[in-house]
Protein backbone atom coordinates (compact mmCIF):
# COMPACT_ATOMS: atom_id res chain seq x y z
CA MET A 1 117.83 106.76 194.82
CA SER A 2 119.77 108.80 192.33
CA GLU A 3 120.79 107.63 188.86
CA ALA A 4 124.49 107.84 189.71
CA SER A 5 124.17 105.57 192.75
CA ARG A 6 122.53 102.79 190.69
CA THR A 7 125.19 102.75 187.96
CA PRO A 8 128.22 100.57 188.66
CA ALA A 9 131.44 102.57 188.96
CA HIS A 10 133.85 99.99 187.58
CA PRO A 11 134.02 99.93 183.74
CA LEU A 12 133.93 96.12 183.62
CA LEU A 13 130.74 96.02 185.70
CA ARG A 14 129.19 98.72 183.50
CA ARG A 15 129.98 96.61 180.46
CA LEU A 16 128.54 93.45 182.05
CA MET A 17 125.33 95.27 183.05
CA ARG A 18 124.42 96.12 179.45
CA LYS A 19 121.12 94.70 178.24
CA ASN A 20 122.71 92.82 175.31
CA VAL A 21 125.30 91.20 177.56
CA LEU A 22 122.66 90.04 180.03
CA SER A 23 120.36 88.87 177.23
CA GLY A 24 123.17 86.90 175.60
CA LEU A 25 124.04 85.26 178.92
CA MET A 26 120.37 84.40 179.46
CA PHE A 27 120.14 82.79 175.99
CA ILE A 28 123.30 80.78 176.66
CA ALA A 29 121.99 79.66 180.07
CA ILE A 30 118.61 78.55 178.66
CA ALA A 31 120.33 76.71 175.79
CA SER A 32 122.70 75.00 178.21
CA LEU A 33 119.79 73.88 180.36
CA GLY A 34 117.98 72.55 177.27
CA LEU A 35 121.07 70.64 176.13
CA TRP A 36 121.51 69.18 179.59
CA LEU A 37 117.84 68.14 179.81
CA SER A 38 117.92 66.52 176.37
CA ARG A 39 121.29 64.80 176.84
CA ASP A 40 119.77 61.30 176.94
CA TYR A 41 117.52 61.73 173.89
CA PRO A 42 118.64 59.82 170.80
CA ILE A 43 119.68 62.19 168.00
CA GLY A 44 119.62 59.95 164.94
CA THR A 45 120.91 61.12 161.57
CA LEU A 46 119.87 63.85 159.14
CA ARG A 47 117.93 61.28 157.11
CA ARG A 48 116.32 59.64 160.15
CA MET A 49 116.00 62.23 162.86
CA SER A 50 115.14 60.94 166.28
CA THR A 51 113.39 62.61 169.21
CA GLY A 52 116.43 64.53 170.40
CA PHE A 53 117.48 66.05 167.08
CA MET A 54 115.27 69.15 166.98
CA PRO A 55 115.51 70.09 170.68
CA GLN A 56 119.28 69.83 170.62
CA MET A 57 119.59 71.64 167.27
CA LEU A 58 117.41 74.49 168.54
CA CYS A 59 119.44 74.69 171.75
CA TRP A 60 122.69 74.91 169.76
CA LEU A 61 121.16 77.64 167.58
CA LEU A 62 119.98 79.53 170.67
CA MET A 63 123.44 79.22 172.19
CA GLY A 64 125.00 80.62 169.01
CA LEU A 65 122.52 83.48 168.98
CA GLY A 66 123.30 84.14 172.64
CA GLY A 67 127.00 84.25 171.82
CA ILE A 68 126.42 86.77 169.04
CA VAL A 69 124.23 88.99 171.25
CA LEU A 70 126.78 88.71 174.08
CA LEU A 71 129.64 89.75 171.81
CA GLN A 72 127.65 92.67 170.43
CA GLY A 73 127.00 93.86 173.96
CA LEU A 74 130.63 93.48 175.01
CA LEU A 75 132.04 95.18 171.92
CA ALA A 76 129.60 98.11 171.81
CA ARG A 77 131.16 101.46 172.70
CA ASP A 78 128.09 103.13 174.19
CA GLY A 79 127.59 102.14 177.81
CA SER A 80 124.28 103.94 178.29
CA ASN A 81 122.17 100.86 177.52
CA LEU A 82 122.31 99.43 181.04
CA ALA A 83 119.80 96.97 182.46
CA GLY A 84 117.19 98.74 184.56
CA GLU A 85 117.42 102.01 182.66
CA ILE A 86 114.53 103.23 180.53
CA GLY A 87 115.47 104.99 177.34
CA HIS A 88 112.21 106.94 177.04
CA ALA A 89 111.12 109.94 179.03
CA ASP A 90 107.93 108.50 180.51
CA ALA A 91 108.30 105.14 182.26
CA ALA A 92 104.53 104.68 182.80
CA THR A 93 103.76 105.08 179.10
CA GLU A 94 106.59 102.69 178.20
CA GLY A 95 105.12 99.98 180.44
CA ARG A 96 101.64 100.32 178.95
CA GLU A 97 102.96 100.17 175.40
CA ASN A 98 104.86 97.00 176.22
CA TYR A 99 101.71 95.35 177.56
CA TRP A 100 99.81 96.23 174.39
CA SER A 101 102.65 94.85 172.27
CA ILE A 102 102.62 91.58 174.19
CA ALA A 103 98.83 91.39 173.89
CA PHE A 104 98.92 91.90 170.10
CA VAL A 105 101.63 89.27 169.60
CA ALA A 106 99.73 86.76 171.78
CA LEU A 107 96.49 87.55 169.95
CA SER A 108 98.21 86.99 166.59
CA LEU A 109 99.33 83.52 167.70
CA VAL A 110 95.82 82.66 168.85
CA ALA A 111 94.40 83.88 165.54
CA PHE A 112 96.90 81.72 163.65
CA ALA A 113 96.00 78.65 165.70
CA LEU A 114 92.27 79.20 165.16
CA THR A 115 92.50 79.82 161.39
CA ILE A 116 95.19 77.44 160.10
CA GLU A 117 92.91 74.41 159.76
CA THR A 118 89.75 76.11 158.57
CA LEU A 119 90.99 79.02 156.44
CA GLY A 120 94.34 77.65 155.31
CA LEU A 121 97.99 78.60 155.51
CA VAL A 122 97.84 81.84 153.53
CA VAL A 123 94.97 83.42 155.49
CA ALA A 124 96.39 82.23 158.83
CA ILE A 125 99.82 83.74 158.14
CA VAL A 126 98.36 87.01 156.83
CA ALA A 127 96.22 87.26 160.00
CA LEU A 128 99.25 86.47 162.17
CA VAL A 129 101.42 89.14 160.57
CA LEU A 130 98.66 91.74 160.35
CA ILE A 131 97.68 91.46 164.02
CA ALA A 132 101.29 91.26 165.21
CA SER A 133 102.16 94.38 163.21
CA PHE A 134 100.01 96.43 165.61
CA ALA A 135 102.56 95.65 168.33
CA TYR A 136 104.90 98.25 166.84
CA ARG A 137 103.63 101.65 165.77
CA GLY A 138 106.47 102.52 163.41
CA ILE A 139 105.95 99.71 160.89
CA ALA A 140 104.91 100.70 157.37
CA TRP A 141 102.12 98.93 155.48
CA TRP A 142 104.51 97.68 152.81
CA GLU A 143 106.74 96.10 155.49
CA THR A 144 103.75 94.22 156.85
CA LEU A 145 102.79 93.08 153.35
CA ALA A 146 106.35 92.00 152.51
CA THR A 147 106.60 90.08 155.78
CA ALA A 148 103.30 88.29 155.15
CA VAL A 149 104.27 87.34 151.59
CA GLY A 150 107.77 86.26 152.58
CA LEU A 151 106.62 84.21 155.58
CA THR A 152 103.87 82.55 153.55
CA LEU A 153 106.31 81.61 150.81
CA LEU A 154 108.87 80.35 153.31
CA CYS A 155 106.32 78.22 155.19
CA TRP A 156 104.99 76.81 151.93
CA LEU A 157 108.51 75.92 150.78
CA ILE A 158 109.48 74.32 154.09
CA PHE A 159 106.31 72.55 155.15
CA VAL A 160 104.46 71.75 151.92
CA LEU A 161 107.29 71.24 149.44
CA GLY A 162 110.12 70.38 151.82
CA ILE A 163 108.62 67.86 154.20
CA GLY A 164 105.40 67.09 152.35
CA MET A 165 103.03 68.19 155.09
CA THR A 166 99.39 68.11 154.08
CA VAL A 167 98.00 71.47 155.03
CA LYS A 168 95.24 73.49 153.42
CA ILE A 169 96.80 76.39 151.48
CA PHE A 170 93.70 78.46 150.70
CA PRO A 171 90.20 78.41 152.17
CA GLU A 172 87.59 76.39 150.36
CA LEU A 173 85.09 78.67 148.66
């Protein structure tokens, strides 16, 4: 099957087949499903959040993100980023690299889960970021370091200072 026969001829269909448009629609659909499933959960107030507050807030955020991605896809001028097309020359290499990326991200989450209680927040986040950084070859060492420092600081501010969660910060020596 030739490349020209797979590409929609109508300009509107070409625009709707862009990856960002489809991703935005998928985000909006998942958020809508989440809002519908959590419709009977009590929300509460900001001071006394109930069981439905976080799921519904995350669904609204996901819906907003989906709207932004959808608009970016619709307003982009370049129509070459269609779903089903591969931007790189070798499709087999692209697939293998994606599997390695997924494996490194999953491994980083497992490492975080295994180290957060025993080694503390700082070591767990540094391990998470360091292992996940292998998922992308083009990342510089200083970007990995800045991400680890920033994420550690943000988590400490939110969870330790913000909500008073008791979590080990550093490993006991």
